[in-house]
PDB file of N, CA and C in Angstrom:
ATOM      1  N   MET A   1     -72.168 147.329 -74.667  1.00  0.00           N
ATOM      2  CA  MET A   1     -71.027 147.990 -75.389  1.00  0.00           C
ATOM      3  C   MET A   1     -71.438 149.327 -75.890  1.00  0.00           C
ATOM      4  N   TRP A   2     -70.593 150.332 -75.873  1.00  0.00           N
ATOM      5  CA  TRP A   2     -70.766 151.608 -76.430  1.00  0.00           C
ATOM      6  C   TRP A   2     -69.898 151.808 -77.509  1.00  0.00           C
ATOM      7  N   VAL A   3     -70.328 152.663 -78.391  1.00  0.00           N
ATOM      8  CA  VAL A   3     -69.646 153.167 -79.605  1.00  0.00           C
ATOM      9  C   VAL A   3     -69.336 154.523 -79.574  1.00  0.00           C
ATOM     10  N   VAL A   4     -68.061 155.048 -79.883  1.00  0.00           N
ATOM     11  CA  VAL A   4     -67.703 156.388 -79.756  1.00  0.00           C
ATOM     12  C   VAL A   4     -67.783 156.907 -81.263  1.00  0.00           C
ATOM     13  N   LYS A   5     -68.618 157.921 -81.415  1.00  0.00           N
ATOM     14  CA  LYS A   5     -68.786 158.624 -82.643  1.00  0.00           C
ATOM     15  C   LYS A   5     -67.780 159.591 -82.878  1.00  0.00           C
ATOM     16  N   ARG A   6     -67.551 160.068 -84.183  1.00  0.00           N
ATOM     17  CA  ARG A   6     -66.510 161.050 -84.487  1.00  0.00           C
ATOM     18  C   ARG A   6     -66.661 162.243 -83.661  1.00  0.00           C
ATOM     19  N   SER A   7     -67.858 162.600 -83.277  1.00  0.00           N
ATOM     20  CA  SER A   7     -68.058 163.785 -82.488  1.00  0.00           C
ATOM     21  C   SER A   7     -67.658 163.690 -80.974  1.00  0.00           C
ATOM     22  N   GLY A   8     -67.399 162.396 -80.642  1.00  0.00           N
ATOM     23  CA  GLY A   8     -66.972 162.060 -79.263  1.00  0.00           C
ATOM     24  C   GLY A   8     -68.203 161.556 -78.447  1.00  0.00           C
ATOM     25  N   GLN A   9     -69.407 161.640 -79.085  1.00  0.00           N
ATOM     26  CA  GLN A   9     -70.575 161.258 -78.402  1.00  0.00           C
ATOM     27  C   GLN A   9     -70.671 159.752 -78.464  1.00  0.00           C
ATOM     28  N   ARG A  10     -71.168 159.152 -77.350  1.00  0.00           N
ATOM     29  CA  ARG A  10     -71.229 157.734 -77.173  1.00  0.00           C
ATOM     30  C   ARG A  10     -72.733 157.218 -77.326  1.00  0.00           C
ATOM     31  N   GLU A  11     -72.857 156.021 -78.054  1.00  0.00           N
ATOM     32  CA  GLU A  11     -74.178 155.508 -78.134  1.00  0.00           C
ATOM     33  C   GLU A  11     -73.976 154.046 -78.009  1.00  0.00           C
ATOM     34  N   PRO A  12     -75.133 153.287 -77.594  1.00  0.00           N
ATOM     35  CA  PRO A  12     -75.108 151.971 -77.398  1.00  0.00           C
ATOM     36  C   PRO A  12     -74.867 151.234 -78.794  1.00  0.00           C
ATOM     37  N   PHE A  13     -74.116 150.085 -78.787  1.00  0.00           N
ATOM     38  CA  PHE A  13     -73.841 149.411 -79.989  1.00  0.00           C
ATOM     39  C   PHE A  13     -75.212 148.784 -80.453  1.00  0.00           C
ATOM     40  N   ASP A  14     -75.378 148.936 -81.768  1.00  0.00           N
ATOM     41  CA  ASP A  14     -76.622 148.392 -82.336  1.00  0.00           C
ATOM     42  C   ASP A  14     -76.275 147.460 -83.556  1.00  0.00           C
ATOM     43  N   ARG A  15     -76.462 146.227 -83.350  1.00  0.00           N
ATOM     44  CA  ARG A  15     -76.068 145.174 -84.332  1.00  0.00           C
ATOM     45  C   ARG A  15     -76.969 145.530 -85.663  1.00  0.00           C
ATOM     46  N   SER A  16     -78.239 145.853 -85.435  1.00  0.00           N
ATOM     47  CA  SER A  16     -79.063 146.038 -86.586  1.00  0.00           C
ATOM     48  C   SER A  16     -78.593 147.191 -87.523  1.00  0.00           C
ATOM     49  N   LYS A  17     -77.737 148.118 -87.092  1.00  0.00           N
ATOM     50  CA  LYS A  17     -77.162 149.128 -87.941  1.00  0.00           C
ATOM     51  C   LYS A  17     -76.211 148.478 -88.967  1.00  0.00           C
ATOM     52  N   ILE A  18     -75.467 147.571 -88.456  1.00  0.00           N
ATOM     53  CA  ILE A  18     -74.573 146.855 -89.301  1.00  0.00           C
ATOM     54  C   ILE A  18     -75.303 146.070 -90.337  1.00  0.00           C
ATOM     55  N   VAL A  19     -76.274 145.280 -89.905  1.00  0.00           N
ATOM     56  CA  VAL A  19     -77.182 144.451 -90.730  1.00  0.00           C
ATOM     57  C   VAL A  19     -77.772 145.293 -91.945  1.00  0.00           C
ATOM     58  N   ASP A  20     -78.273 146.480 -91.406  1.00  0.00           N
ATOM     59  CA  ASP A  20     -78.989 147.317 -92.382  1.00  0.00           C
ATOM     60  C   ASP A  20     -77.982 147.874 -93.422  1.00  0.00           C
ATOM     61  N   GLY A  21     -76.791 148.269 -92.983  1.00  0.00           N
ATOM     62  CA  GLY A  21     -75.828 148.843 -93.885  1.00  0.00           C
ATOM     63  C   GLY A  21     -75.319 147.838 -94.865  1.00  0.00           C
ATOM     64  N   VAL A  22     -75.066 146.705 -94.460  1.00  0.00           N
ATOM     65  CA  VAL A  22     -74.509 145.582 -95.312  1.00  0.00           C
ATOM     66  C   VAL A  22     -75.703 145.110 -96.287  1.00  0.00           C
ATOM     67  N   ARG A  23     -76.918 145.114 -95.731  1.00  0.00           N
ATOM     68  CA  ARG A  23     -78.044 144.723 -96.628  1.00  0.00           C
ATOM     69  C   ARG A  23     -78.175 145.650 -97.792  1.00  0.00           C
ATOM     70  N   ALA A  24     -77.980 146.935 -97.531  1.00  0.00           N
ATOM     71  CA  ALA A  24     -78.120 147.921 -98.550  1.00  0.00           C
ATOM     72  C   ALA A  24     -76.916 147.725 -99.491  1.00  0.00           C
ATOM     73  N   ALA A  25     -75.680 147.459 -99.027  1.00  0.00           N
ATOM     74  CA  ALA A  25     -74.599 147.275 -99.855  1.00  0.00           C
ATOM     75  C   ALA A  25     -74.674 146.009-100.803  1.00  0.00           C
ATOM     76  N   SER A  26     -75.354 144.985-100.193  1.00  0.00           N
ATOM     77  CA  SER A  26     -75.377 143.703-100.919  1.00  0.00           C
ATOM     78  C   SER A  26     -76.745 143.522-101.708  1.00  0.00           C
ATOM     79  N   LYS A  27     -77.553 144.566-101.880  1.00  0.00           N
ATOM     80  CA  LYS A  27     -78.684 144.433-102.630  1.00  0.00           C
ATOM     81  C   LYS A  27     -78.516 143.884-104.017  1.00  0.00           C
ATOM     82  N   ASN A  28     -79.400 142.841-104.332  1.00  0.00           N
ATOM     83  CA  ASN A  28     -79.232 142.108-105.624  1.00  0.00           C
ATOM     84  C   ASN A  28     -77.995 141.366-105.769  1.00  0.00           C
ATOM     85  N   ARG A  29     -77.363 140.976-104.648  1.00  0.00           N
ATOM     86  CA  ARG A  29     -76.220 140.165-104.629  1.00  0.00           C
ATOM     87  C   ARG A  29     -76.457 138.902-103.928  1.00  0.00           C
ATOM     88  N   PRO A  30     -75.656 137.786-104.177  1.00  0.00           N
ATOM     89  CA  PRO A  30     -75.980 136.486-103.541  1.00  0.00           C
ATOM     90  C   PRO A  30     -75.622 136.472-102.114  1.00  0.00           C
ATOM     91  N   VAL A  31     -76.171 137.353-101.292  1.00  0.00           N
ATOM     92  CA  VAL A  31     -75.861 137.395 -99.849  1.00  0.00           C
ATOM     93  C   VAL A  31     -77.249 137.134 -99.095  1.00  0.00           C
ATOM     94  N   THR A  32     -77.185 136.171 -98.210  1.00  0.00           N
ATOM     95  CA  THR A  32     -78.355 135.757 -97.589  1.00  0.00           C
ATOM     96  C   THR A  32     -78.607 136.487 -96.256  1.00  0.00           C
ATOM     97  N   GLU A  33     -79.799 136.397 -95.651  1.00  0.00           N
ATOM     98  CA  GLU A  33     -80.053 137.051 -94.434  1.00  0.00           C
ATOM     99  C   GLU A  33     -79.126 136.486 -93.356  1.00  0.00           C
ATOM    100  N   ASP A  34     -78.960 135.154 -93.361  1.00  0.00           N
ATOM    101  CA  ASP A  34     -78.061 134.482 -92.453  1.00  0.00           C
ATOM    102  C   ASP A  34     -76.654 135.003 -92.647  1.00  0.00           C
ATOM    103  N   ASP A  35     -76.149 135.287 -93.866  1.00  0.00           N
ATOM    104  CA  ASP A  35     -74.844 135.804 -94.001  1.00  0.00           C
ATOM    105  C   ASP A  35     -74.809 137.306 -93.353  1.00  0.00           C
ATOM    106  N   LEU A  36     -75.795 138.067 -93.479  1.00  0.00           N
ATOM    107  CA  LEU A  36     -75.868 139.341 -92.846  1.00  0.00           C
ATOM    108  C   LEU A  36     -75.876 139.236 -91.338  1.00  0.00           C
ATOM    109  N   GLN A  37     -76.548 138.407 -90.783  1.00  0.00           N
ATOM    110  CA  GLN A  37     -76.582 138.184 -89.309  1.00  0.00           C
ATOM    111  C   GLN A  37     -75.229 137.669 -88.867  1.00  0.00           C
ATOM    112  N   ASP A  38     -74.681 136.692 -89.522  1.00  0.00           N
ATOM    113  CA  ASP A  38     -73.352 136.105 -89.173  1.00  0.00           C
ATOM    114  C   ASP A  38     -72.280 137.190 -89.143  1.00  0.00           C
ATOM    115  N   LEU A  39     -72.284 138.004 -90.275  1.00  0.00           N
ATOM    116  CA  LEU A  39     -71.260 139.011 -90.325  1.00  0.00           C
ATOM    117  C   LEU A  39     -71.422 140.006 -89.178  1.00  0.00           C
ATOM    118  N   ALA A  40     -72.647 140.487 -88.925  1.00  0.00           N
ATOM    119  CA  ALA A  40     -72.866 141.323 -87.758  1.00  0.00           C
ATOM    120  C   ALA A  40     -72.429 140.767 -86.482  1.00  0.00           C
ATOM    121  N   GLN A  41     -72.708 139.506 -86.166  1.00  0.00           N
ATOM    122  CA  GLN A  41     -72.252 138.851 -84.985  1.00  0.00           C
ATOM    123  C   GLN A  41     -70.802 138.803 -84.875  1.00  0.00           C
ATOM    124  N   GLN A  42     -70.104 138.421 -86.045  1.00  0.00           N
ATOM    125  CA  GLN A  42     -68.676 138.326 -85.966  1.00  0.00           C
ATOM    126  C   GLN A  42     -68.006 139.710 -85.614  1.00  0.00           C
ATOM    127  N   VAL A  43     -68.629 140.778 -86.276  1.00  0.00           N
ATOM    128  CA  VAL A  43     -68.095 142.040 -85.967  1.00  0.00           C
ATOM    129  C   VAL A  43     -68.347 142.449 -84.510  1.00  0.00           C
ATOM    130  N   GLU A  44     -69.428 142.192 -83.917  1.00  0.00           N
ATOM    131  CA  GLU A  44     -69.673 142.476 -82.561  1.00  0.00           C
ATOM    132  C   GLU A  44     -68.819 141.714 -81.659  1.00  0.00           C
ATOM    133  N   GLU A  45     -68.600 140.542 -81.907  1.00  0.00           N
ATOM    134  CA  GLU A  45     -67.623 139.662 -81.056  1.00  0.00           C
ATOM    135  C   GLU A  45     -66.238 140.095 -81.166  1.00  0.00           C
ATOM    136  N   ALA A  46     -65.755 140.478 -82.371  1.00  0.00           N
ATOM    137  CA  ALA A  46     -64.440 141.053 -82.546  1.00  0.00           C
ATOM    138  C   ALA A  46     -64.229 142.385 -81.802  1.00  0.00           C
ATOM    139  N   LEU A  47     -65.238 143.200 -81.829  1.00  0.00           N
ATOM    140  CA  LEU A  47     -65.132 144.514 -81.158  1.00  0.00           C
ATOM    141  C   LEU A  47     -65.034 144.367 -79.689  1.00  0.00           C
ATOM    142  N   ARG A  48     -65.833 143.441 -79.160  1.00  0.00           N
ATOM    143  CA  ARG A  48     -65.929 143.095 -77.648  1.00  0.00           C
ATOM    144  C   ARG A  48     -64.604 142.715 -77.186  1.00  0.00           C
ATOM    145  N   VAL A  49     -63.857 141.915 -77.982  1.00  0.00           N
ATOM    146  CA  VAL A  49     -62.538 141.481 -77.671  1.00  0.00           C
ATOM    147  C   VAL A  49     -61.565 142.597 -77.666  1.00  0.00           C
ATOM    148  N   GLU A  50     -61.634 143.424 -78.754  1.00  0.00           N
ATOM    149  CA  GLU A  50     -60.676 144.468 -78.910  1.00  0.00           C
ATOM    150  C   GLU A  50     -60.798 145.623 -77.977  1.00  0.00           C
ATOM    151  N   SER A  51     -62.092 145.983 -77.822  1.00  0.00           N
ATOM    152  CA  SER A  51     -62.259 147.266 -77.025  1.00  0.00           C
ATOM    153  C   SER A  51     -63.677 147.298 -76.486  1.00  0.00           C
ATOM    154  N   GLY A  52     -63.862 147.773 -75.316  1.00  0.00           N
ATOM    155  CA  GLY A  52     -65.215 147.874 -74.638  1.00  0.00           C
ATOM    156  C   GLY A  52     -65.975 149.043 -75.324  1.00  0.00           C
ATOM    157  N   GLU A  53     -65.243 150.127 -75.807  1.00  0.00           N
ATOM    158  CA  GLU A  53     -65.840 151.274 -76.457  1.00  0.00           C
ATOM    159  C   GLU A  53     -65.124 151.463 -77.810  1.00  0.00           C
ATOM    160  N   PRO A  54     -65.515 150.752 -78.826  1.00  0.00           N
ATOM    161  CA  PRO A  54     -64.837 151.029 -80.177  1.00  0.00           C
ATOM    162  C   PRO A  54     -65.377 152.232 -80.729  1.00  0.00           C
ATOM    163  N   THR A  55     -64.604 152.740 -81.665  1.00  0.00           N
ATOM    164  CA  THR A  55     -64.975 153.958 -82.442  1.00  0.00           C
ATOM    165  C   THR A  55     -65.823 153.519 -83.573  1.00  0.00           C
ATOM    166  N   THR A  56     -66.475 154.463 -84.237  1.00  0.00           N
ATOM    167  CA  THR A  56     -67.213 154.094 -85.489  1.00  0.00           C
ATOM    168  C   THR A  56     -66.312 153.736 -86.592  1.00  0.00           C
ATOM    169  N   GLN A  57     -65.040 154.206 -86.524  1.00  0.00           N
ATOM    170  CA  GLN A  57     -64.091 153.781 -87.500  1.00  0.00           C
ATOM    171  C   GLN A  57     -63.729 152.437 -87.207  1.00  0.00           C
ATOM    172  N   GLN A  58     -63.528 151.966 -86.142  1.00  0.00           N
ATOM    173  CA  GLN A  58     -63.250 150.544 -85.770  1.00  0.00           C
ATOM    174  C   GLN A  58     -64.358 149.672 -86.265  1.00  0.00           C
ATOM    175  N   VAL A  59     -65.529 150.081 -86.080  1.00  0.00           N
ATOM    176  CA  VAL A  59     -66.703 149.338 -86.534  1.00  0.00           C
ATOM    177  C   VAL A  59     -66.726 149.185 -88.034  1.00  0.00           C
ATOM    178  N   GLY A  60     -66.523 150.275 -88.695  1.00  0.00           N
ATOM    179  CA  GLY A  60     -66.507 150.272 -90.174  1.00  0.00           C
ATOM    180  C   GLY A  60     -65.358 149.321 -90.729  1.00  0.00           C
ATOM    181  N   VAL A  61     -64.139 149.427 -90.224  1.00  0.00           N
ATOM    182  CA  VAL A  61     -63.142 148.559 -90.642  1.00  0.00           C
ATOM    183  C   VAL A  61     -63.382 147.062 -90.339  1.00  0.00           C
ATOM    184  N   ALA A  62     -63.993 146.775 -89.246  1.00  0.00           N
ATOM    185  CA  ALA A  62     -64.283 145.402 -88.945  1.00  0.00           C
ATOM    186  C   ALA A  62     -65.387 144.933 -89.891  1.00  0.00           C
ATOM    187  N   VAL A  63     -66.323 145.693 -90.303  1.00  0.00           N
ATOM    188  CA  VAL A  63     -67.330 145.322 -91.363  1.00  0.00           C
ATOM    189  C   VAL A  63     -66.707 145.085 -92.708  1.00  0.00           C
ATOM    190  N   LEU A  64     -65.740 146.098 -93.087  1.00  0.00           N
ATOM    191  CA  LEU A  64     -65.119 145.859 -94.436  1.00  0.00           C
ATOM    192  C   LEU A  64     -64.308 144.594 -94.384  1.00  0.00           C
ATOM    193  N   GLU A  65     -63.570 144.297 -93.367  1.00  0.00           N
ATOM    194  CA  GLU A  65     -62.771 143.143 -93.290  1.00  0.00           C
ATOM    195  C   GLU A  65     -63.447 141.866 -93.560  1.00  0.00           C
ATOM    196  N   ARG A  66     -64.610 141.754 -93.018  1.00  0.00           N
ATOM    197  CA  ARG A  66     -65.498 140.512 -93.116  1.00  0.00           C
ATOM    198  C   ARG A  66     -66.250 140.617 -94.393  1.00  0.00           C
ATOM    199  N   LEU A  67     -66.702 141.751 -94.910  1.00  0.00           N
ATOM    200  CA  LEU A  67     -67.371 141.911 -96.150  1.00  0.00           C
ATOM    201  C   LEU A  67     -66.493 141.477 -97.299  1.00  0.00           C
ATOM    202  N   LYS A  68     -65.256 141.865 -97.236  1.00  0.00           N
ATOM    203  CA  LYS A  68     -64.346 141.501 -98.356  1.00  0.00           C
ATOM    204  C   LYS A  68     -64.382 140.050 -98.699  1.00  0.00           C
ATOM    205  N   THR A  69     -64.535 139.192 -97.777  1.00  0.00           N
ATOM    206  CA  THR A  69     -64.581 137.723 -97.960  1.00  0.00           C
ATOM    207  C   THR A  69     -65.929 137.222 -98.453  1.00  0.00           C
ATOM    208  N   LEU A  70     -66.983 138.060 -98.133  1.00  0.00           N
ATOM    209  CA  LEU A  70     -68.359 137.689 -98.396  1.00  0.00           C
ATOM    210  C   LEU A  70     -68.780 137.947 -99.851  1.00  0.00           C
ATOM    211  N   ASP A  71     -68.496 139.123-100.341  1.00  0.00           N
ATOM    212  CA  ASP A  71     -68.895 139.572-101.642  1.00  0.00           C
ATOM    213  C   ASP A  71     -68.145 140.833-102.113  1.00  0.00           C
ATOM    214  N   ASP A  72     -67.315 140.792-103.204  1.00  0.00           N
ATOM    215  CA  ASP A  72     -66.579 141.846-103.625  1.00  0.00           C
ATOM    216  C   ASP A  72     -67.381 143.050-103.981  1.00  0.00           C
ATOM    217  N   VAL A  73     -68.420 142.805-104.591  1.00  0.00           N
ATOM    218  CA  VAL A  73     -69.266 143.979-105.086  1.00  0.00           C
ATOM    219  C   VAL A  73     -69.893 144.733-103.871  1.00  0.00           C
ATOM    220  N   ALA A  74     -70.377 143.877-102.903  1.00  0.00           N
ATOM    221  CA  ALA A  74     -70.966 144.452-101.653  1.00  0.00           C
ATOM    222  C   ALA A  74     -69.888 145.254-100.872  1.00  0.00           C
ATOM    223  N   TYR A  75     -68.691 144.610-100.883  1.00  0.00           N
ATOM    224  CA  TYR A  75     -67.456 145.383-100.268  1.00  0.00           C
ATOM    225  C   TYR A  75     -67.272 146.683-100.926  1.00  0.00           C
ATOM    226  N   LEU A  76     -67.248 146.822-102.178  1.00  0.00           N
ATOM    227  CA  LEU A  76     -67.033 148.033-102.751  1.00  0.00           C
ATOM    228  C   LEU A  76     -68.096 149.071-102.605  1.00  0.00           C
ATOM    229  N   ARG A  77     -69.318 148.493-102.629  1.00  0.00           N
ATOM    230  CA  ARG A  77     -70.426 149.473-102.447  1.00  0.00           C
ATOM    231  C   ARG A  77     -70.276 150.020-101.016  1.00  0.00           C
ATOM    232  N   PHE A  78     -70.118 149.241 -99.904  1.00  0.00           N
ATOM    233  CA  PHE A  78     -69.956 149.636 -98.592  1.00  0.00           C
ATOM    234  C   PHE A  78     -68.799 150.637 -98.453  1.00  0.00           C
ATOM    235  N   ALA A  79     -67.664 150.148 -99.028  1.00  0.00           N
ATOM    236  CA  ALA A  79     -66.404 151.033 -98.915  1.00  0.00           C
ATOM    237  C   ALA A  79     -66.650 152.318 -99.522  1.00  0.00           C
ATOM    238  N   SER A  80     -67.510 152.476-100.624  1.00  0.00           N
ATOM    239  CA  SER A  80     -67.605 153.717-101.263  1.00  0.00           C
ATOM    240  C   SER A  80     -68.451 154.741-100.421  1.00  0.00           C
ATOM    241  N   VAL A  81     -69.354 154.158 -99.611  1.00  0.00           N
ATOM    242  CA  VAL A  81     -70.016 155.149 -98.738  1.00  0.00           C
ATOM    243  C   VAL A  81     -69.238 155.329 -97.477  1.00  0.00           C
ATOM    244  N   TYR A  82     -68.679 154.244 -96.874  1.00  0.00           N
ATOM    245  CA  TYR A  82     -67.978 154.444 -95.626  1.00  0.00           C
ATOM    246  C   TYR A  82     -66.658 155.310 -95.861  1.00  0.00           C
ATOM    247  N   LYS A  83     -65.908 155.112 -96.916  1.00  0.00           N
ATOM    248  CA  LYS A  83     -64.782 155.866 -97.192  1.00  0.00           C
ATOM    249  C   LYS A  83     -64.957 157.181 -97.940  1.00  0.00           C
ATOM    250  N   GLY A  84     -66.222 157.296 -98.398  1.00  0.00           N
ATOM    251  CA  GLY A  84     -66.571 158.743 -99.085  1.00  0.00           C
ATOM    252  C   GLY A  84     -65.917 158.858-100.419  1.00  0.00           C
ATOM    253  N   PHE A  85     -66.034 157.874-101.250  1.00  0.00           N
ATOM    254  CA  PHE A  85     -65.471 157.922-102.575  1.00  0.00           C
ATOM    255  C   PHE A  85     -66.034 159.116-103.268  1.00  0.00           C
ATOM    256  N   GLU A  86     -65.178 159.819-104.071  1.00  0.00           N
ATOM    257  CA  GLU A  86     -65.561 160.989-104.735  1.00  0.00           C
ATOM    258  C   GLU A  86     -65.501 160.870-106.219  1.00  0.00           C
ATOM    259  N   ASP A  87     -64.635 159.956-106.688  1.00  0.00           N
ATOM    260  CA  ASP A  87     -64.542 159.784-108.219  1.00  0.00           C
ATOM    261  C   ASP A  87     -64.132 158.372-108.525  1.00  0.00           C
ATOM    262  N   LEU A  88     -63.981 158.154-109.894  1.00  0.00           N
ATOM    263  CA  LEU A  88     -63.685 156.807-110.324  1.00  0.00           C
ATOM    264  C   LEU A  88     -62.363 156.344-109.820  1.00  0.00           C
ATOM    265  N   GLY A  89     -61.403 157.205-109.619  1.00  0.00           N
ATOM    266  CA  GLY A  89     -60.117 156.833-109.122  1.00  0.00           C
ATOM    267  C   GLY A  89     -60.183 156.269-107.797  1.00  0.00           C
ATOM    268  N   ASP A  90     -61.013 156.691-106.882  1.00  0.00           N
ATOM    269  CA  ASP A  90     -61.283 156.043-105.634  1.00  0.00           C
ATOM    270  C   ASP A  90     -61.659 154.509-105.749  1.00  0.00           C
ATOM    271  N   PHE A  91     -62.614 154.287-106.658  1.00  0.00           N
ATOM    272  CA  PHE A  91     -62.980 152.933-106.937  1.00  0.00           C
ATOM    273  C   PHE A  91     -61.838 152.094-107.571  1.00  0.00           C
ATOM    274  N   GLN A  92     -61.131 152.687-108.448  1.00  0.00           N
ATOM    275  CA  GLN A  92     -60.022 151.996-109.060  1.00  0.00           C
ATOM    276  C   GLN A  92     -58.944 151.576-107.984  1.00  0.00           C
ATOM    277  N   ARG A  93     -58.578 152.469-107.110  1.00  0.00           N
ATOM    278  CA  ARG A  93     -57.700 152.249-106.042  1.00  0.00           C
ATOM    279  C   ARG A  93     -58.197 151.130-105.166  1.00  0.00           C
ATOM    280  N   GLU A  94     -59.347 151.149-104.756  1.00  0.00           N
ATOM    281  CA  GLU A  94     -59.928 150.160-103.884  1.00  0.00           C
ATOM    282  C   GLU A  94     -60.019 148.844-104.543  1.00  0.00           C
ATOM    283  N   VAL A  95     -60.351 148.849-105.852  1.00  0.00           N
ATOM    284  CA  VAL A  95     -60.328 147.481-106.590  1.00  0.00           C
ATOM    285  C   VAL A  95     -58.938 146.949-106.725  1.00  0.00           C
ATOM    286  N   GLY A  96     -58.019 147.837-106.750  1.00  0.00           N
ATOM    287  CA  GLY A  96     -56.536 147.486-106.890  1.00  0.00           C
ATOM    288  C   GLY A  96     -56.196 146.770-105.528  1.00  0.00           C
ATOM    289  N   LEU A  97     -56.654 147.393-104.445  1.00  0.00           N
ATOM    290  CA  LEU A  97     -56.332 146.845-103.122  1.00  0.00           C
ATOM    291  C   LEU A  97     -56.972 145.558-102.933  1.00  0.00           C
ATOM    292  N   LEU A  98     -58.179 145.377-103.439  1.00  0.00           N
ATOM    293  CA  LEU A  98     -58.992 144.199-103.288  1.00  0.00           C
ATOM    294  C   LEU A  98     -58.478 143.058-104.043  1.00  0.00           C
ATOM    295  N   THR A  99     -57.902 143.273-105.170  1.00  0.00           N
ATOM    296  CA  THR A  99     -57.376 142.179-106.056  1.00  0.00           C
ATOM    297  C   THR A  99     -55.876 142.044-105.921  1.00  0.00           C
ATOM    298  N   LYS A 100     -55.223 142.920-105.053  1.00  0.00           N
ATOM    299  CA  LYS A 100     -53.813 142.760-104.964  1.00  0.00           C
ATOM    300  C   LYS A 100     -53.465 141.409-104.415  1.00  0.00           C
ATOM    301  N   THR A 101     -52.434 140.847-105.164  1.00  0.00           N
ATOM    302  CA  THR A 101     -51.877 139.475-104.678  1.00  0.00           C
ATOM    303  C   THR A 101     -50.323 139.652-104.718  1.00  0.00           C
ATOM    304  N   THR A 102     -49.697 138.998-103.894  1.00  0.00           N
ATOM    305  CA  THR A 102     -48.275 139.016-103.906  1.00  0.00           C
ATOM    306  C   THR A 102     -47.732 137.596-104.387  1.00  0.00           C
ATOM    307  N   GLU A 103     -46.485 137.631-105.062  1.00  0.00           N
ATOM    308  CA  GLU A 103     -45.988 136.505-105.396  1.00  0.00           C
ATOM    309  C   GLU A 103     -45.540 135.690-104.220  1.00  0.00           C
ATOM    310  N   PRO A 104     -45.699 134.422-104.170  1.00  0.00           N
ATOM    311  CA  PRO A 104     -45.251 133.442-103.042  1.00  0.00           C
ATOM    312  C   PRO A 104     -43.662 133.658-103.068  1.00  0.00           C
ATOM    313  N   LYS A 105     -43.251 133.586-101.690  1.00  0.00           N
ATOM    314  CA  LYS A 105     -41.815 133.604-101.526  1.00  0.00           C
ATOM    315  C   LYS A 105     -41.170 132.296-102.072  1.00  0.00           C
ATOM    316  N   ARG A 106     -40.078 132.466-102.641  1.00  0.00           N
ATOM    317  CA  ARG A 106     -39.385 131.288-103.176  1.00  0.00           C
ATOM    318  C   ARG A 106     -38.230 130.985-102.238  1.00  0.00           C
ATOM    319  N   HIS A 107     -38.220 129.671-101.864  1.00  0.00           N
ATOM    320  CA  HIS A 107     -37.190 129.118-100.985  1.00  0.00           C
ATOM    321  C   HIS A 107     -35.999 128.753-101.749  1.00  0.00           C
ATOM    322  N   ARG A 108     -34.864 129.145-101.317  1.00  0.00           N
ATOM    323  CA  ARG A 108     -33.530 128.929-101.938  1.00  0.00           C
ATOM    324  C   ARG A 108     -32.993 127.586-101.458  1.00  0.00           C
TER     325      ARG A 108
END
């Protein structure tokens, strides 16, 4: 599988890059090496189903989707780098999205 970078350049998919990025985001968090490997495998499998040549953006979104359920702090750390947070407002917005819940629909 090939990944298309923002520049348009293609490079082979490398699961270890996902593991390394998530490992950095989850430093000092209760995330195990098995969790990292499982997340990277899930991302790779999902990308293979979706597209033979995913973009780096698709890879990042797939990581974030899975990281959100694994560890909130690691999610915010990864998102801050991936999305290029510039100030506290960026963190506040992301926390709001992370904790957003909707009222269950009431049946009449």
